[in-house]
């Protein structure tokens, strides 16, 4: 009771409004707590997703590095090869040491019963000091060894790549099978100096990398030329009319 005996009563409308306001505040507080929980859950899930992505990228990177390392090992120079010709052109196929060279570069001879996973062809033109050097028949073919995956059947310059495994072969592999030295600066018995150097072209375009790592692909026109710029063929061959079926 208030002073003077008068009851302290609030109008019914005021009481209901206060209750509604309190209920609304409680709902808003609950909604805010729920929103905060949802934000924390989203951040947690995002953190997990980022961690998984980082781990995946790291794993892919590791596989890529491992694969690149394997590729470098496969294409890197295997060191001195048996029977490698380092004298003047022309160069005959060296088959006496073919088996040893194939083992050194990790290229086994073909088995007659094996299916070919790779069967492609390239054409090679070779020049030394402005003179064309023949690419002989019989590269990579020896009765005692069989056929190397890289070989020639005739003196047309057409290279046959036939492999039971799906792998990449290189220009360095071809010259290793042939038994002729090829480095970034040397071809057979010729090495850079006095304005002469080794140049390689693929489909008429200069190749600036290590020629031994040049990957062989279907129907390439390859040119390997040693000499001065004035001794380059003009024009540099850029295409070859491969016979039907090759």
C-alpha atoms as a PDB file:
ATOM      1  CA  UNK A   1       0.000   0.000   0.000  1.00  0.00           C
ATOM      2  CA  UNK A   2       1.224   3.538  -0.770  1.00  0.00           C
ATOM      3  CA  UNK A   3       1.081   6.408   1.713  1.00  0.00           C
ATOM      4  CA  UNK A   4      -2.428   7.402   2.571  1.00  0.00           C
ATOM      5  CA  UNK A   5      -3.692   3.840   2.052  1.00  0.00           C
ATOM      6  CA  UNK A   6      -3.946   4.021  -1.750  1.00  0.00           C
ATOM      7  CA  UNK A   7      -2.882   0.836  -3.550  1.00  0.00           C
ATOM      8  CA  UNK A   8       0.134   1.165  -5.982  1.00  0.00           C
ATOM      9  CA  UNK A   9      -1.301  -0.430  -9.017  1.00  0.00           C
ATOM     10  CA  UNK A  10      -0.018  -0.219 -12.641  1.00  0.00           C
ATOM     11  CA  UNK A  11      -2.475  -0.221 -15.464  1.00  0.00           C
ATOM     12  CA  UNK A  12      -2.876  -3.725 -16.945  1.00  0.00           C
ATOM     13  CA  UNK A  13      -1.615  -2.496 -20.293  1.00  0.00           C
ATOM     14  CA  UNK A  14       1.718  -1.368 -18.823  1.00  0.00           C
ATOM     15  CA  UNK A  15       2.340  -4.745 -17.223  1.00  0.00           C
ATOM     16  CA  UNK A  16       1.632  -6.646 -20.435  1.00  0.00           C
ATOM     17  CA  UNK A  17       3.923  -4.330 -22.411  1.00  0.00           C
ATOM     18  CA  UNK A  18       6.768  -4.914 -19.942  1.00  0.00           C
ATOM     19  CA  UNK A  19       6.289  -8.672 -20.115  1.00  0.00           C
ATOM     20  CA  UNK A  20       6.270  -8.592 -23.909  1.00  0.00           C
ATOM     21  CA  UNK A  21       9.414  -6.431 -23.935  1.00  0.00           C
ATOM     22  CA  UNK A  22      11.218  -8.812 -21.571  1.00  0.00           C
ATOM     23  CA  UNK A  23      10.160 -11.804 -23.670  1.00  0.00           C
ATOM     24  CA  UNK A  24      11.399 -10.055 -26.796  1.00  0.00           C
ATOM     25  CA  UNK A  25      14.759  -9.322 -25.150  1.00  0.00           C
ATOM     26  CA  UNK A  26      15.055 -12.942 -24.062  1.00  0.00           C
ATOM     27  CA  UNK A  27      14.328 -14.082 -27.639  1.00  0.00           C
ATOM     28  CA  UNK A  28      16.842 -11.617 -29.057  1.00  0.00           C
ATOM     29  CA  UNK A  29      19.473 -12.765 -26.556  1.00  0.00           C
ATOM     30  CA  UNK A  30      18.807 -16.402 -27.463  1.00  0.00           C
ATOM     31  CA  UNK A  31      18.983 -15.575 -31.151  1.00  0.00           C
ATOM     32  CA  UNK A  32      22.267 -13.726 -30.628  1.00  0.00           C
ATOM     33  CA  UNK A  33      23.707 -16.724 -28.770  1.00  0.00           C
ATOM     34  CA  UNK A  34      22.589 -19.038 -31.562  1.00  0.00           C
ATOM     35  CA  UNK A  35      24.098 -16.728 -34.201  1.00  0.00           C
ATOM     36  CA  UNK A  36      27.371 -16.625 -32.277  1.00  0.00           C
ATOM     37  CA  UNK A  37      27.405 -20.440 -32.084  1.00  0.00           C
ATOM     38  CA  UNK A  38      26.746 -20.666 -35.820  1.00  0.00           C
ATOM     39  CA  UNK A  39      29.589 -18.229 -36.554  1.00  0.00           C
ATOM     40  CA  UNK A  40      31.950 -20.248 -34.340  1.00  0.00           C
ATOM     41  CA  UNK A  41      30.872 -23.460 -36.082  1.00  0.00           C
ATOM     42  CA  UNK A  42      31.396 -21.884 -39.524  1.00  0.00           C
ATOM     43  CA  UNK A  43      34.876 -20.693 -38.490  1.00  0.00           C
ATOM     44  CA  UNK A  44      35.678 -24.159 -37.155  1.00  0.00           C
ATOM     45  CA  UNK A  45      34.549 -25.839 -40.374  1.00  0.00           C
ATOM     46  CA  UNK A  46      36.388 -23.267 -42.474  1.00  0.00           C
ATOM     47  CA  UNK A  47      39.544 -23.909 -40.475  1.00  0.00           C
ATOM     48  CA  UNK A  48      39.212 -27.643 -41.070  1.00  0.00           C
ATOM     49  CA  UNK A  49      38.613 -27.084 -44.796  1.00  0.00           C
ATOM     50  CA  UNK A  50      41.656 -24.804 -45.084  1.00  0.00           C
ATOM     51  CA  UNK A  51      43.816 -27.315 -43.218  1.00  0.00           C
ATOM     52  CA  UNK A  52      42.644 -30.102 -45.520  1.00  0.00           C
ATOM     53  CA  UNK A  53      43.292 -27.956 -48.596  1.00  0.00           C
ATOM     54  CA  UNK A  54      46.785 -27.104 -47.399  1.00  0.00           C
ATOM     55  CA  UNK A  55      47.500 -30.757 -46.744  1.00  0.00           C
ATOM     56  CA  UNK A  56      46.163 -31.707 -50.176  1.00  0.00           C
ATOM     57  CA  UNK A  57      48.237 -29.060 -51.936  1.00  0.00           C
ATOM     58  CA  UNK A  58      51.296 -30.133 -49.991  1.00  0.00           C
ATOM     59  CA  UNK A  59      50.640 -33.734 -50.967  1.00  0.00           C
ATOM     60  CA  UNK A  60      50.188 -32.842 -54.634  1.00  0.00           C
ATOM     61  CA  UNK A  61      53.316 -30.717 -54.495  1.00  0.00           C
ATOM     62  CA  UNK A  62      55.237 -33.600 -52.996  1.00  0.00           C
ATOM     63  CA  UNK A  63      54.012 -35.942 -55.741  1.00  0.00           C
ATOM     64  CA  UNK A  64      54.912 -33.351 -58.389  1.00  0.00           C
ATOM     65  CA  UNK A  65      58.390 -32.898 -56.949  1.00  0.00           C
ATOM     66  CA  UNK A  66      58.853 -36.657 -56.758  1.00  0.00           C
ATOM     67  CA  UNK A  67      57.599 -37.092 -60.332  1.00  0.00           C
ATOM     68  CA  UNK A  68      59.798 -34.258 -61.599  1.00  0.00           C
ATOM     69  CA  UNK A  69      62.733 -35.800 -59.772  1.00  0.00           C
ATOM     70  CA  UNK A  70      62.046 -39.151 -61.416  1.00  0.00           C
ATOM     71  CA  UNK A  71      61.764 -37.442 -64.798  1.00  0.00           C
ATOM     72  CA  UNK A  72      65.052 -35.627 -64.285  1.00  0.00           C
ATOM     73  CA  UNK A  73      66.698 -38.883 -63.330  1.00  0.00           C
ATOM     74  CA  UNK A  74      65.309 -40.557 -66.430  1.00  0.00           C
ATOM     75  CA  UNK A  75      66.454 -37.816 -68.792  1.00  0.00           C
ATOM     76  CA  UNK A  76      69.708 -36.845 -67.129  1.00  0.00           C
ATOM     77  CA  UNK A  77      72.924 -37.931 -68.773  1.00  0.00           C
ATOM     78  CA  UNK A  78      73.734 -41.490 -67.678  1.00  0.00           C
ATOM     79  CA  UNK A  79      77.459 -40.788 -67.916  1.00  0.00           C
ATOM     80  CA  UNK A  80      79.896 -42.253 -70.453  1.00  0.00           C
ATOM     81  CA  UNK A  81      78.148 -44.749 -72.704  1.00  0.00           C
ATOM     82  CA  UNK A  82      79.848 -47.773 -74.231  1.00  0.00           C
ATOM     83  CA  UNK A  83      80.828 -47.391 -77.865  1.00  0.00           C
ATOM     84  CA  UNK A  84      79.806 -43.724 -78.056  1.00  0.00           C
ATOM     85  CA  UNK A  85      81.173 -42.210 -81.289  1.00  0.00           C
ATOM     86  CA  UNK A  86      83.083 -38.963 -80.823  1.00  0.00           C
ATOM     87  CA  UNK A  87      84.747 -38.750 -84.216  1.00  0.00           C
ATOM     88  CA  UNK A  88      83.829 -36.957 -87.438  1.00  0.00           C
ATOM     89  CA  UNK A  89      80.620 -37.555 -89.414  1.00  0.00           C
ATOM     90  CA  UNK A  90      79.135 -39.663 -90.874  1.00  0.00           C
ATOM     91  CA  UNK A  91      78.279 -42.076 -88.081  1.00  0.00           C
ATOM     92  CA  UNK A  92      77.202 -45.671 -88.558  1.00  0.00           C
ATOM     93  CA  UNK A  93      74.869 -47.386 -86.101  1.00  0.00           C
ATOM     94  CA  UNK A  94      76.918 -48.843 -83.254  1.00  0.00           C
ATOM     95  CA  UNK A  95      75.274 -52.154 -82.395  1.00  0.00           C
ATOM     96  CA  UNK A  96      78.234 -53.887 -80.750  1.00  0.00           C
ATOM     97  CA  UNK A  97      77.556 -52.035 -77.489  1.00  0.00           C
ATOM     98  CA  UNK A  98      73.820 -51.519 -77.995  1.00  0.00           C
ATOM     99  CA  UNK A  99      72.708 -53.789 -75.150  1.00  0.00           C
ATOM    100  CA  UNK A 100      75.019 -52.052 -72.681  1.00  0.00           C
ATOM    101  CA  UNK A 101      73.836 -48.597 -73.700  1.00  0.00           C
ATOM    102  CA  UNK A 102      70.179 -49.616 -73.484  1.00  0.00           C
ATOM    103  CA  UNK A 103      70.772 -50.887 -69.963  1.00  0.00           C
ATOM    104  CA  UNK A 104      72.582 -47.661 -69.047  1.00  0.00           C
ATOM    105  CA  UNK A 105      69.679 -45.431 -70.141  1.00  0.00           C
ATOM    106  CA  UNK A 106      67.004 -47.786 -68.767  1.00  0.00           C
ATOM    107  CA  UNK A 107      65.484 -48.713 -72.127  1.00  0.00           C
ATOM    108  CA  UNK A 108      65.066 -52.487 -72.564  1.00  0.00           C
ATOM    109  CA  UNK A 109      64.827 -53.980 -76.064  1.00  0.00           C
ATOM    110  CA  UNK A 110      61.430 -54.903 -77.412  1.00  0.00           C
ATOM    111  CA  UNK A 111      60.035 -58.369 -76.970  1.00  0.00           C
ATOM    112  CA  UNK A 112      58.274 -59.824 -80.049  1.00  0.00           C
ATOM    113  CA  UNK A 113      55.200 -60.697 -77.961  1.00  0.00           C
ATOM    114  CA  UNK A 114      54.819 -57.290 -76.305  1.00  0.00           C
ATOM    115  CA  UNK A 115      52.023 -54.937 -77.266  1.00  0.00           C
ATOM    116  CA  UNK A 116      53.037 -51.368 -78.094  1.00  0.00           C
ATOM    117  CA  UNK A 117      51.592 -48.652 -75.867  1.00  0.00           C
ATOM    118  CA  UNK A 118      53.494 -45.967 -77.820  1.00  0.00           C
ATOM    119  CA  UNK A 119      53.977 -46.043 -81.588  1.00  0.00           C
ATOM    120  CA  UNK A 120      54.987 -42.689 -83.051  1.00  0.00           C
ATOM    121  CA  UNK A 121      57.386 -41.357 -85.698  1.00  0.00           C
ATOM    122  CA  UNK A 122      59.617 -38.339 -86.210  1.00  0.00           C
ATOM    123  CA  UNK A 123      61.867 -37.178 -89.034  1.00  0.00           C
ATOM    124  CA  UNK A 124      65.454 -36.099 -88.352  1.00  0.00           C
ATOM    125  CA  UNK A 125      67.661 -33.941 -90.565  1.00  0.00           C
ATOM    126  CA  UNK A 126      71.307 -33.639 -89.536  1.00  0.00           C
ATOM    127  CA  UNK A 127      73.828 -31.001 -90.699  1.00  0.00           C
ATOM    128  CA  UNK A 128      77.493 -30.427 -89.907  1.00  0.00           C
ATOM    129  CA  UNK A 129      79.217 -27.281 -91.225  1.00  0.00           C
ATOM    130  CA  UNK A 130      76.470 -26.826 -93.787  1.00  0.00           C
ATOM    131  CA  UNK A 131      76.653 -30.388 -95.146  1.00  0.00           C
ATOM    132  CA  UNK A 132      73.830 -32.861 -94.672  1.00  0.00           C
ATOM    133  CA  UNK A 133      74.793 -35.951 -92.685  1.00  0.00           C
ATOM    134  CA  UNK A 134      72.836 -39.157 -93.352  1.00  0.00           C
ATOM    135  CA  UNK A 135      70.764 -40.768 -90.622  1.00  0.00           C
ATOM    136  CA  UNK A 136      71.527 -44.419 -91.363  1.00  0.00           C
ATOM    137  CA  UNK A 137      69.278 -47.441 -91.483  1.00  0.00           C
ATOM    138  CA  UNK A 138      69.609 -49.965 -88.696  1.00  0.00           C
ATOM    139  CA  UNK A 139      69.896 -47.639 -85.706  1.00  0.00           C
ATOM    140  CA  UNK A 140      68.798 -49.637 -82.662  1.00  0.00           C
ATOM    141  CA  UNK A 141      68.573 -52.960 -84.488  1.00  0.00           C
ATOM    142  CA  UNK A 142      70.868 -55.877 -83.714  1.00  0.00           C
ATOM    143  CA  UNK A 143      70.148 -59.585 -84.309  1.00  0.00           C
ATOM    144  CA  UNK A 144      71.622 -60.494 -80.934  1.00  0.00           C
ATOM    145  CA  UNK A 145      69.690 -57.813 -79.045  1.00  0.00           C
ATOM    146  CA  UNK A 146      66.573 -57.289 -81.110  1.00  0.00           C
ATOM    147  CA  UNK A 147      64.918 -53.937 -81.664  1.00  0.00           C
ATOM    148  CA  UNK A 148      65.422 -50.966 -79.389  1.00  0.00           C
ATOM    149  CA  UNK A 149      62.232 -48.940 -78.788  1.00  0.00           C
ATOM    150  CA  UNK A 150      63.901 -46.211 -80.914  1.00  0.00           C
ATOM    151  CA  UNK A 151      65.167 -47.399 -84.293  1.00  0.00           C
ATOM    152  CA  UNK A 152      65.372 -46.728 -88.030  1.00  0.00           C
ATOM    153  CA  UNK A 153      64.417 -49.107 -90.827  1.00  0.00           C
ATOM    154  CA  UNK A 154      65.954 -47.121 -93.684  1.00  0.00           C
ATOM    155  CA  UNK A 155      68.068 -44.046 -94.415  1.00  0.00           C
ATOM    156  CA  UNK A 156      65.102 -41.702 -94.916  1.00  0.00           C
ATOM    157  CA  UNK A 157      65.628 -40.059 -91.528  1.00  0.00           C
ATOM    158  CA  UNK A 158      62.308 -41.397 -90.197  1.00  0.00           C
ATOM    159  CA  UNK A 159      62.612 -42.437 -86.551  1.00  0.00           C
ATOM    160  CA  UNK A 160      60.369 -45.199 -85.224  1.00  0.00           C
ATOM    161  CA  UNK A 161      59.423 -45.073 -81.534  1.00  0.00           C
ATOM    162  CA  UNK A 162      57.687 -48.258 -80.425  1.00  0.00           C
ATOM    163  CA  UNK A 163      57.376 -48.931 -76.724  1.00  0.00           C
ATOM    164  CA  UNK A 164      55.472 -51.466 -74.615  1.00  0.00           C
ATOM    165  CA  UNK A 165      55.196 -48.876 -71.818  1.00  0.00           C
ATOM    166  CA  UNK A 166      53.567 -45.468 -71.963  1.00  0.00           C
ATOM    167  CA  UNK A 167      56.603 -43.261 -71.380  1.00  0.00           C
ATOM    168  CA  UNK A 168      58.341 -40.298 -72.972  1.00  0.00           C
ATOM    169  CA  UNK A 169      61.482 -40.774 -75.042  1.00  0.00           C
ATOM    170  CA  UNK A 170      63.943 -38.001 -75.817  1.00  0.00           C
ATOM    171  CA  UNK A 171      66.372 -36.923 -78.508  1.00  0.00           C
ATOM    172  CA  UNK A 172      69.117 -37.889 -76.077  1.00  0.00           C
ATOM    173  CA  UNK A 173      67.709 -41.433 -75.946  1.00  0.00           C
ATOM    174  CA  UNK A 174      67.805 -41.614 -79.748  1.00  0.00           C
ATOM    175  CA  UNK A 175      71.464 -40.584 -79.977  1.00  0.00           C
ATOM    176  CA  UNK A 176      72.344 -42.923 -77.116  1.00  0.00           C
ATOM    177  CA  UNK A 177      70.742 -45.809 -79.017  1.00  0.00           C
ATOM    178  CA  UNK A 178      72.536 -44.690 -82.192  1.00  0.00           C
ATOM    179  CA  UNK A 179      75.839 -44.516 -80.315  1.00  0.00           C
ATOM    180  CA  UNK A 180      76.678 -40.895 -81.163  1.00  0.00           C
ATOM    181  CA  UNK A 181      77.638 -38.256 -78.590  1.00  0.00           C
ATOM    182  CA  UNK A 182      75.050 -35.526 -78.107  1.00  0.00           C
ATOM    183  CA  UNK A 183      75.369 -32.822 -75.452  1.00  0.00           C
ATOM    184  CA  UNK A 184      74.230 -29.182 -75.312  1.00  0.00           C
ATOM    185  CA  UNK A 185      77.513 -28.208 -76.999  1.00  0.00           C
ATOM    186  CA  UNK A 186      78.772 -31.329 -78.818  1.00  0.00           C
ATOM    187  CA  UNK A 187      77.654 -33.564 -81.660  1.00  0.00           C
ATOM    188  CA  UNK A 188      79.878 -36.564 -82.316  1.00  0.00           C
ATOM    189  CA  UNK A 189      83.394 -35.174 -82.653  1.00  0.00           C
ATOM    190  CA  UNK A 190      82.287 -31.544 -83.007  1.00  0.00           C
ATOM    191  CA  UNK A 191      82.106 -29.198 -80.015  1.00  0.00           C
ATOM    192  CA  UNK A 192      81.225 -25.505 -79.777  1.00  0.00           C
ATOM    193  CA  UNK A 193      83.946 -22.945 -80.412  1.00  0.00           C
ATOM    194  CA  UNK A 194      85.235 -20.543 -83.047  1.00  0.00           C
ATOM    195  CA  UNK A 195      81.746 -19.288 -83.915  1.00  0.00           C
ATOM    196  CA  UNK A 196      80.413 -22.831 -84.388  1.00  0.00           C
ATOM    197  CA  UNK A 197      77.767 -24.268 -82.123  1.00  0.00           C
ATOM    198  CA  UNK A 198      75.030 -26.847 -81.889  1.00  0.00           C
ATOM    199  CA  UNK A 199      71.498 -25.788 -82.784  1.00  0.00           C
ATOM    200  CA  UNK A 200      68.288 -27.790 -82.636  1.00  0.00           C
ATOM    201  CA  UNK A 201      64.961 -27.016 -84.310  1.00  0.00           C
ATOM    202  CA  UNK A 202      61.518 -28.548 -83.871  1.00  0.00           C
ATOM    203  CA  UNK A 203      59.063 -27.964 -86.729  1.00  0.00           C
ATOM    204  CA  UNK A 204      61.207 -25.055 -87.910  1.00  0.00           C
ATOM    205  CA  UNK A 205      61.398 -23.343 -84.504  1.00  0.00           C
ATOM    206  CA  UNK A 206      64.603 -23.068 -82.500  1.00  0.00           C
ATOM    207  CA  UNK A 207      64.740 -25.216 -79.379  1.00  0.00           C
ATOM    208  CA  UNK A 208      66.537 -23.419 -76.557  1.00  0.00           C
ATOM    209  CA  UNK A 209      66.765 -26.179 -73.972  1.00  0.00           C
ATOM    210  CA  UNK A 210      69.110 -29.089 -73.444  1.00  0.00           C
ATOM    211  CA  UNK A 211      68.734 -31.105 -76.677  1.00  0.00           C
ATOM    212  CA  UNK A 212      69.131 -34.396 -74.825  1.00  0.00           C
ATOM    213  CA  UNK A 213      65.887 -33.721 -72.910  1.00  0.00           C
ATOM    214  CA  UNK A 214      63.806 -32.778 -75.962  1.00  0.00           C
ATOM    215  CA  UNK A 215      60.718 -35.000 -75.795  1.00  0.00           C
ATOM    216  CA  UNK A 216      59.856 -36.907 -78.945  1.00  0.00           C
ATOM    217  CA  UNK A 217      56.279 -36.432 -80.150  1.00  0.00           C
ATOM    218  CA  UNK A 218      54.298 -37.644 -83.164  1.00  0.00           C
ATOM    219  CA  UNK A 219      55.311 -36.304 -86.592  1.00  0.00           C
ATOM    220  CA  UNK A 220      57.954 -33.862 -85.423  1.00  0.00           C
ATOM    221  CA  UNK A 221      60.389 -32.477 -87.963  1.00  0.00           C
ATOM    222  CA  UNK A 222      63.685 -32.355 -86.063  1.00  0.00           C
ATOM    223  CA  UNK A 223      66.825 -30.591 -87.222  1.00  0.00           C
ATOM    224  CA  UNK A 224      70.184 -30.941 -85.483  1.00  0.00           C
ATOM    225  CA  UNK A 225      72.770 -28.596 -87.016  1.00  0.00           C
ATOM    226  CA  UNK A 226      76.364 -27.914 -85.986  1.00  0.00           C
ATOM    227  CA  UNK A 227      78.262 -24.964 -87.441  1.00  0.00           C
ATOM    228  CA  UNK A 228      78.073 -21.215 -87.870  1.00  0.00           C
ATOM    229  CA  UNK A 229      74.809 -19.299 -88.402  1.00  0.00           C
ATOM    230  CA  UNK A 230      75.719 -18.885 -92.080  1.00  0.00           C
ATOM    231  CA  UNK A 231      75.933 -22.677 -92.435  1.00  0.00           C
ATOM    232  CA  UNK A 232      72.367 -23.319 -91.306  1.00  0.00           C
ATOM    233  CA  UNK A 233      70.051 -24.756 -93.959  1.00  0.00           C
ATOM    234  CA  UNK A 234      67.879 -22.090 -95.569  1.00  0.00           C
ATOM    235  CA  UNK A 235      65.086 -22.491 -94.910  1.00  0.00           C
ATOM    236  CA  UNK A 236      65.311 -24.722 -91.880  1.00  0.00           C
ATOM    237  CA  UNK A 237      63.105 -27.773 -92.612  1.00  0.00           C
ATOM    238  CA  UNK A 238      59.813 -27.385 -90.771  1.00  0.00           C
ATOM    239  CA  UNK A 239      57.714 -30.331 -91.963  1.00  0.00           C
ATOM    240  CA  UNK A 240      58.069 -33.774 -93.480  1.00  0.00           C
ATOM    241  CA  UNK A 241      55.609 -35.676 -95.715  1.00  0.00           C
ATOM    242  CA  UNK A 242      55.263 -38.825 -93.616  1.00  0.00           C
ATOM    243  CA  UNK A 243      54.093 -41.805 -95.676  1.00  0.00           C
ATOM    244  CA  UNK A 244      50.551 -43.026 -95.144  1.00  0.00           C
ATOM    245  CA  UNK A 245      50.349 -45.283 -92.135  1.00  0.00           C
ATOM    246  CA  UNK A 246      53.164 -43.614 -90.177  1.00  0.00           C
END
